[in-house]
Amino acid sequence: TNQKTWLVVCDVLLLIKLEAVKWISSEVFQFKAFKLKSLDAKNKKARWAKVDRLNNWAIFVSADGRCEALSFMNPERWGGRSNHIYFPSYESERPWAAVQLW
């Protein structure tokens, strides 16, 4: 498997850790999201809680390590879908693919 993690802010106080897993024998991506529950700066430890929904948010990610994840509120305004993760697709007719959280 290949795994990648992004940190993205989805609201004033909501920090999401997004994990993507791609199975080597498949083109399928699975995304999981976690919100920050607590942060102990002294010991450099964070506690995360899994979330099942992004509510009215959509997140764009890239496999390129130089690109940060971007979050957008109310994506229906531009034809997007809430509670979806968008990532580059290598199909010429569809530059972006979208999946819900897993």
C-alpha atoms as a PDB file:
ATOM      1  CA  THR A   1       0.000   0.000   0.000  1.00  0.00           C
ATOM      2  CA  ASN A   2       0.947   3.624  -0.471  1.00  0.00           C
ATOM      3  CA  GLN A   3      -0.143   6.021   2.258  1.00  0.00           C
ATOM      4  CA  LYS A   4      -0.083   9.817   2.467  1.00  0.00           C
ATOM      5  CA  THR A   5      -1.227  12.248   5.163  1.00  0.00           C
ATOM      6  CA  TRP A   6      -2.276  15.899   4.876  1.00  0.00           C
ATOM      7  CA  LEU A   7      -3.200  18.474   7.506  1.00  0.00           C
ATOM      8  CA  VAL A   8      -5.948  20.868   6.468  1.00  0.00           C
ATOM      9  CA  VAL A   9      -7.993  23.523   8.264  1.00  0.00           C
ATOM     10  CA  CYS A  10     -11.719  23.166   7.588  1.00  0.00           C
ATOM     11  CA  ASP A  11     -13.072  25.747   9.995  1.00  0.00           C
ATOM     12  CA  VAL A  12     -11.836  28.217  12.552  1.00  0.00           C
ATOM     13  CA  LEU A  13     -11.079  25.495  15.106  1.00  0.00           C
ATOM     14  CA  LEU A  14     -11.195  22.290  13.097  1.00  0.00           C
ATOM     15  CA  LEU A  15      -7.916  20.747  12.018  1.00  0.00           C
ATOM     16  CA  ILE A  16      -8.334  17.657   9.873  1.00  0.00           C
ATOM     17  CA  LYS A  17      -5.715  14.976   9.384  1.00  0.00           C
ATOM     18  CA  LEU A  18      -6.565  13.293   6.108  1.00  0.00           C
ATOM     19  CA  GLU A  19      -5.082   9.904   5.290  1.00  0.00           C
ATOM     20  CA  ALA A  20      -5.188   8.326   1.852  1.00  0.00           C
ATOM     21  CA  VAL A  21      -4.407   4.699   1.173  1.00  0.00           C
ATOM     22  CA  LYS A  22      -3.972   3.354  -2.345  1.00  0.00           C
ATOM     23  CA  TRP A  23      -3.607  -0.353  -2.787  1.00  0.00           C
ATOM     24  CA  ILE A  24      -0.805  -1.118  -5.228  1.00  0.00           C
ATOM     25  CA  SER A  25      -2.904  -3.548  -7.278  1.00  0.00           C
ATOM     26  CA  SER A  26      -5.827  -1.111  -7.516  1.00  0.00           C
ATOM     27  CA  GLU A  27      -6.588   2.414  -8.680  1.00  0.00           C
ATOM     28  CA  VAL A  28      -8.924   2.902  -5.707  1.00  0.00           C
ATOM     29  CA  PHE A  29      -8.146   5.500  -3.056  1.00  0.00           C
ATOM     30  CA  GLN A  30      -9.622   5.315   0.435  1.00  0.00           C
ATOM     31  CA  PHE A  31      -9.675   8.440   2.587  1.00  0.00           C
ATOM     32  CA  LYS A  32     -10.096   8.711   6.345  1.00  0.00           C
ATOM     33  CA  ALA A  33     -10.346  11.964   8.295  1.00  0.00           C
ATOM     34  CA  PHE A  34      -9.540  12.739  11.909  1.00  0.00           C
ATOM     35  CA  LYS A  35     -10.123  15.919  13.908  1.00  0.00           C
ATOM     36  CA  LEU A  36      -7.718  17.215  16.503  1.00  0.00           C
ATOM     37  CA  LYS A  37      -9.078  16.534  20.010  1.00  0.00           C
ATOM     38  CA  SER A  38      -6.174  17.753  22.087  1.00  0.00           C
ATOM     39  CA  LEU A  39      -2.592  18.860  21.705  1.00  0.00           C
ATOM     40  CA  ASP A  40       0.117  18.544  24.350  1.00  0.00           C
ATOM     41  CA  ALA A  41       2.800  20.972  23.179  1.00  0.00           C
ATOM     42  CA  LYS A  42       5.167  20.012  25.996  1.00  0.00           C
ATOM     43  CA  ASN A  43       5.283  16.326  25.024  1.00  0.00           C
ATOM     44  CA  LYS A  44       4.565  16.962  21.324  1.00  0.00           C
ATOM     45  CA  LYS A  45       1.607  14.559  21.370  1.00  0.00           C
ATOM     46  CA  ALA A  46      -1.702  14.984  19.578  1.00  0.00           C
ATOM     47  CA  ARG A  47      -4.943  13.077  20.114  1.00  0.00           C
ATOM     48  CA  TRP A  48      -7.136  12.550  17.067  1.00  0.00           C
ATOM     49  CA  ALA A  49     -10.764  11.403  16.720  1.00  0.00           C
ATOM     50  CA  LYS A  50     -12.091   9.848  13.507  1.00  0.00           C
ATOM     51  CA  VAL A  51     -14.777  11.831  11.698  1.00  0.00           C
ATOM     52  CA  ASP A  52     -17.262  10.315   9.265  1.00  0.00           C
ATOM     53  CA  ARG A  53     -18.423  13.527   7.608  1.00  0.00           C
ATOM     54  CA  LEU A  54     -16.928  16.814   6.499  1.00  0.00           C
ATOM     55  CA  ASN A  55     -20.414  18.374   6.566  1.00  0.00           C
ATOM     56  CA  ASN A  56     -20.476  21.282   4.097  1.00  0.00           C
ATOM     57  CA  TRP A  57     -16.759  21.088   3.241  1.00  0.00           C
ATOM     58  CA  ALA A  58     -14.826  19.642   0.305  1.00  0.00           C
ATOM     59  CA  ILE A  59     -11.067  19.065   0.318  1.00  0.00           C
ATOM     60  CA  PHE A  60      -8.655  19.067  -2.636  1.00  0.00           C
ATOM     61  CA  VAL A  61      -5.438  17.053  -2.310  1.00  0.00           C
ATOM     62  CA  SER A  62      -2.485  16.236  -4.544  1.00  0.00           C
ATOM     63  CA  ALA A  63       0.066  13.440  -4.486  1.00  0.00           C
ATOM     64  CA  ASP A  64       2.750  16.094  -5.016  1.00  0.00           C
ATOM     65  CA  GLY A  65       4.391  16.681  -1.639  1.00  0.00           C
ATOM     66  CA  ARG A  66       4.920  20.364  -2.446  1.00  0.00           C
ATOM     67  CA  CYS A  67       1.165  21.010  -2.624  1.00  0.00           C
ATOM     68  CA  GLU A  68      -0.927  21.627   0.461  1.00  0.00           C
ATOM     69  CA  ALA A  69      -4.473  20.364   0.838  1.00  0.00           C
ATOM     70  CA  LEU A  70      -7.152  23.012   0.284  1.00  0.00           C
ATOM     71  CA  SER A  71     -10.590  23.095   1.887  1.00  0.00           C
ATOM     72  CA  PHE A  72     -13.686  24.784   0.486  1.00  0.00           C
ATOM     73  CA  MET A  73     -16.948  25.532   2.285  1.00  0.00           C
ATOM     74  CA  ASN A  74     -20.277  25.044   0.451  1.00  0.00           C
ATOM     75  CA  PRO A  75     -18.802  23.507  -2.723  1.00  0.00           C
ATOM     76  CA  GLU A  76     -22.277  23.228  -4.259  1.00  0.00           C
ATOM     77  CA  ARG A  77     -21.920  26.919  -5.169  1.00  0.00           C
ATOM     78  CA  TRP A  78     -19.445  25.965  -7.916  1.00  0.00           C
ATOM     79  CA  GLY A  79     -20.904  22.555  -8.791  1.00  0.00           C
ATOM     80  CA  GLY A  80     -18.876  20.531  -6.292  1.00  0.00           C
ATOM     81  CA  ARG A  81     -20.104  18.143  -3.608  1.00  0.00           C
ATOM     82  CA  SER A  82     -19.894  18.507   0.161  1.00  0.00           C
ATOM     83  CA  ASN A  83     -18.252  15.764   2.212  1.00  0.00           C
ATOM     84  CA  HIS A  84     -16.006  14.778  -0.717  1.00  0.00           C
ATOM     85  CA  ILE A  85     -12.265  14.573  -1.257  1.00  0.00           C
ATOM     86  CA  TYR A  86     -11.071  15.686  -4.700  1.00  0.00           C
ATOM     87  CA  PHE A  87      -7.811  14.425  -6.188  1.00  0.00           C
ATOM     88  CA  PRO A  88      -6.196  14.533  -9.658  1.00  0.00           C
ATOM     89  CA  SER A  89      -7.463  12.037 -12.196  1.00  0.00           C
ATOM     90  CA  TYR A  90      -5.316  11.024 -15.113  1.00  0.00           C
ATOM     91  CA  GLU A  91      -8.296  10.645 -17.430  1.00  0.00           C
ATOM     92  CA  SER A  92      -8.267  13.416 -20.034  1.00  0.00           C
ATOM     93  CA  GLU A  93     -12.014  14.035 -19.899  1.00  0.00           C
ATOM     94  CA  ARG A  94     -12.075  14.251 -16.101  1.00  0.00           C
ATOM     95  CA  PRO A  95      -9.216  16.194 -14.478  1.00  0.00           C
ATOM     96  CA  TRP A  96     -10.529  15.596 -10.920  1.00  0.00           C
ATOM     97  CA  ALA A  97     -12.016  12.543  -9.228  1.00  0.00           C
ATOM     98  CA  ALA A  98     -14.111  12.796  -6.062  1.00  0.00           C
ATOM     99  CA  VAL A  99     -14.779  10.269  -3.303  1.00  0.00           C
ATOM    100  CA  GLN A 100     -16.526  10.399   0.045  1.00  0.00           C
ATOM    101  CA  LEU A 101     -14.778   9.623   3.313  1.00  0.00           C
ATOM    102  CA  TRP A 102     -14.297   5.936   4.035  1.00  0.00           C
END
